[in-house]
Amino acid sequence: MGGKAGYTASNNDLSPATAAWAPALGIAVAAGVVTALAVPTTLFFPVLSLGMIAIAALAGAYAFLRPAGQRRSILIFAATLTFIGLAAGMLGDPDQVALLL
């Protein structure tokens, strides 16, 4: 058992980036299902985009409340949600939203 003191295999199995992808994608899928059930189809992508960016902003704010060593994975999580939100915004048609306003 020669190794570093305090080392456990579970601590080093996943990088912070890999560990942040699974919950971010899970939240995106859950938000997509809720959005699909709650809003008209023409508003699906704009509402999903706003929701993902709002959740990413909350995650980013939460990251700065954590100690510096724990921020990286939370910020990667927030960046992933921001990317999903921006992609959904690009897929949406702004003309459909403008017609409803």
C-alpha atoms as a PDB file:
ATOM      1  CA  MET A   1       0.000   0.000   0.000  1.00  0.00           C
ATOM      2  CA  GLY A   2       2.583   2.460  -1.010  1.00  0.00           C
ATOM      3  CA  GLY A   3       0.959   5.608  -2.182  1.00  0.00           C
ATOM      4  CA  LYS A   4       0.195   9.096  -1.165  1.00  0.00           C
ATOM      5  CA  ALA A   5      -1.429   9.553   2.176  1.00  0.00           C
ATOM      6  CA  GLY A   6      -5.114  10.292   1.941  1.00  0.00           C
ATOM      7  CA  TYR A   7      -5.421   8.940  -1.600  1.00  0.00           C
ATOM      8  CA  THR A   8      -8.560   7.083  -2.500  1.00  0.00           C
ATOM      9  CA  ALA A   9      -9.480   5.819  -5.926  1.00  0.00           C
ATOM     10  CA  SER A  10     -12.892   7.486  -5.782  1.00  0.00           C
ATOM     11  CA  ASN A  11     -11.324  10.942  -5.431  1.00  0.00           C
ATOM     12  CA  ASN A  12      -9.403  10.712  -8.695  1.00  0.00           C
ATOM     13  CA  ASP A  13     -11.646   8.675 -11.005  1.00  0.00           C
ATOM     14  CA  LEU A  14     -13.153  11.635 -12.870  1.00  0.00           C
ATOM     15  CA  SER A  15     -11.742  14.994 -13.758  1.00  0.00           C
ATOM     16  CA  PRO A  16     -13.815  18.013 -12.647  1.00  0.00           C
ATOM     17  CA  ALA A  17     -14.838  18.625 -16.262  1.00  0.00           C
ATOM     18  CA  THR A  18     -16.090  15.068 -16.713  1.00  0.00           C
ATOM     19  CA  ALA A  19     -17.864  15.095 -13.376  1.00  0.00           C
ATOM     20  CA  ALA A  20     -19.679  18.332 -14.284  1.00  0.00           C
ATOM     21  CA  TRP A  21     -21.022  17.130 -17.645  1.00  0.00           C
ATOM     22  CA  ALA A  22     -23.409  14.503 -16.296  1.00  0.00           C
ATOM     23  CA  PRO A  23     -25.436  16.759 -13.965  1.00  0.00           C
ATOM     24  CA  ALA A  24     -25.439  19.598 -16.509  1.00  0.00           C
ATOM     25  CA  LEU A  25     -26.833  17.359 -19.218  1.00  0.00           C
ATOM     26  CA  GLY A  26     -29.325  15.851 -16.775  1.00  0.00           C
ATOM     27  CA  ILE A  27     -30.602  19.314 -15.852  1.00  0.00           C
ATOM     28  CA  ALA A  28     -30.785  20.270 -19.530  1.00  0.00           C
ATOM     29  CA  VAL A  29     -32.835  17.182 -20.357  1.00  0.00           C
ATOM     30  CA  ALA A  30     -35.166  17.723 -17.396  1.00  0.00           C
ATOM     31  CA  ALA A  31     -35.607  21.394 -18.290  1.00  0.00           C
ATOM     32  CA  GLY A  32     -36.279  20.414 -21.896  1.00  0.00           C
ATOM     33  CA  VAL A  33     -39.009  17.976 -20.889  1.00  0.00           C
ATOM     34  CA  VAL A  34     -40.661  20.490 -18.553  1.00  0.00           C
ATOM     35  CA  THR A  35     -40.406  23.214 -21.196  1.00  0.00           C
ATOM     36  CA  ALA A  36     -41.875  20.940 -23.872  1.00  0.00           C
ATOM     37  CA  LEU A  37     -44.864  20.198 -21.655  1.00  0.00           C
ATOM     38  CA  ALA A  38     -45.417  23.745 -20.429  1.00  0.00           C
ATOM     39  CA  VAL A  39     -44.997  26.065 -23.418  1.00  0.00           C
ATOM     40  CA  PRO A  40     -46.153  26.124 -27.045  1.00  0.00           C
ATOM     41  CA  THR A  41     -43.800  24.504 -29.518  1.00  0.00           C
ATOM     42  CA  THR A  42     -42.896  27.830 -31.128  1.00  0.00           C
ATOM     43  CA  LEU A  43     -41.489  29.054 -27.802  1.00  0.00           C
ATOM     44  CA  PHE A  44     -39.629  25.875 -26.858  1.00  0.00           C
ATOM     45  CA  PHE A  45     -36.093  26.963 -27.793  1.00  0.00           C
ATOM     46  CA  PRO A  46     -36.309  30.566 -26.531  1.00  0.00           C
ATOM     47  CA  VAL A  47     -37.711  29.472 -23.155  1.00  0.00           C
ATOM     48  CA  LEU A  48     -35.187  26.636 -22.870  1.00  0.00           C
ATOM     49  CA  SER A  49     -32.400  29.081 -23.681  1.00  0.00           C
ATOM     50  CA  LEU A  50     -33.463  31.540 -20.988  1.00  0.00           C
ATOM     51  CA  GLY A  51     -33.893  28.749 -18.460  1.00  0.00           C
ATOM     52  CA  MET A  52     -30.438  27.263 -19.068  1.00  0.00           C
ATOM     53  CA  ILE A  53     -28.736  30.644 -18.868  1.00  0.00           C
ATOM     54  CA  ALA A  54     -30.613  31.490 -15.663  1.00  0.00           C
ATOM     55  CA  ILE A  55     -29.592  28.190 -14.054  1.00  0.00           C
ATOM     56  CA  ALA A  56     -26.001  28.752 -15.223  1.00  0.00           C
ATOM     57  CA  ALA A  57     -25.999  32.210 -13.624  1.00  0.00           C
ATOM     58  CA  LEU A  58     -27.210  30.727 -10.334  1.00  0.00           C
ATOM     59  CA  ALA A  59     -24.526  28.035 -10.509  1.00  0.00           C
ATOM     60  CA  GLY A  60     -21.865  30.672 -11.206  1.00  0.00           C
ATOM     61  CA  ALA A  61     -23.022  32.751  -8.250  1.00  0.00           C
ATOM     62  CA  TYR A  62     -22.980  29.631  -6.068  1.00  0.00           C
ATOM     63  CA  ALA A  63     -19.420  28.884  -7.227  1.00  0.00           C
ATOM     64  CA  PHE A  64     -18.151  32.140  -5.794  1.00  0.00           C
ATOM     65  CA  LEU A  65     -19.627  31.263  -2.406  1.00  0.00           C
ATOM     66  CA  ARG A  66     -17.524  28.090  -2.297  1.00  0.00           C
ATOM     67  CA  PRO A  67     -13.837  27.867  -1.373  1.00  0.00           C
ATOM     68  CA  ALA A  68     -11.415  28.422  -4.242  1.00  0.00           C
ATOM     69  CA  GLY A  69     -10.560  24.728  -4.509  1.00  0.00           C
ATOM     70  CA  GLN A  70     -14.168  23.759  -5.153  1.00  0.00           C
ATOM     71  CA  ARG A  71     -15.003  26.419  -7.752  1.00  0.00           C
ATOM     72  CA  ARG A  72     -13.576  24.795 -10.840  1.00  0.00           C
ATOM     73  CA  SER A  73     -16.082  21.978 -11.259  1.00  0.00           C
ATOM     74  CA  ILE A  74     -19.031  24.276 -10.480  1.00  0.00           C
ATOM     75  CA  LEU A  75     -17.834  26.831 -13.035  1.00  0.00           C
ATOM     76  CA  ILE A  76     -17.424  24.084 -15.641  1.00  0.00           C
ATOM     77  CA  PHE A  77     -20.986  23.018 -14.828  1.00  0.00           C
ATOM     78  CA  ALA A  78     -22.183  26.620 -15.313  1.00  0.00           C
ATOM     79  CA  ALA A  79     -20.250  26.947 -18.568  1.00  0.00           C
ATOM     80  CA  THR A  80     -21.835  23.750 -19.886  1.00  0.00           C
ATOM     81  CA  LEU A  81     -25.327  25.027 -19.111  1.00  0.00           C
ATOM     82  CA  THR A  82     -24.480  28.371 -20.732  1.00  0.00           C
ATOM     83  CA  PHE A  83     -23.314  26.579 -23.872  1.00  0.00           C
ATOM     84  CA  ILE A  84     -26.543  24.537 -24.000  1.00  0.00           C
ATOM     85  CA  GLY A  85     -28.587  27.715 -23.491  1.00  0.00           C
ATOM     86  CA  LEU A  86     -26.768  29.571 -26.252  1.00  0.00           C
ATOM     87  CA  ALA A  87     -27.162  26.630 -28.624  1.00  0.00           C
ATOM     88  CA  ALA A  88     -30.898  26.508 -27.892  1.00  0.00           C
ATOM     89  CA  GLY A  89     -31.105  30.250 -28.506  1.00  0.00           C
ATOM     90  CA  MET A  90     -29.458  29.856 -31.893  1.00  0.00           C
ATOM     91  CA  LEU A  91     -31.890  27.111 -32.870  1.00  0.00           C
ATOM     92  CA  GLY A  92     -34.932  29.178 -31.903  1.00  0.00           C
ATOM     93  CA  ASP A  93     -36.712  31.534 -34.280  1.00  0.00           C
ATOM     94  CA  PRO A  94     -36.993  35.080 -32.893  1.00  0.00           C
ATOM     95  CA  ASP A  95     -39.857  35.889 -35.275  1.00  0.00           C
ATOM     96  CA  GLN A  96     -42.127  33.495 -33.396  1.00  0.00           C
ATOM     97  CA  VAL A  97     -41.448  35.259 -30.111  1.00  0.00           C
ATOM     98  CA  ALA A  98     -41.938  38.696 -31.682  1.00  0.00           C
ATOM     99  CA  LEU A  99     -45.374  37.662 -32.948  1.00  0.00           C
ATOM    100  CA  LEU A 100     -46.503  36.870 -29.403  1.00  0.00           C
ATOM    101  CA  LEU A 101     -45.349  40.198 -27.969  1.00  0.00           C
END
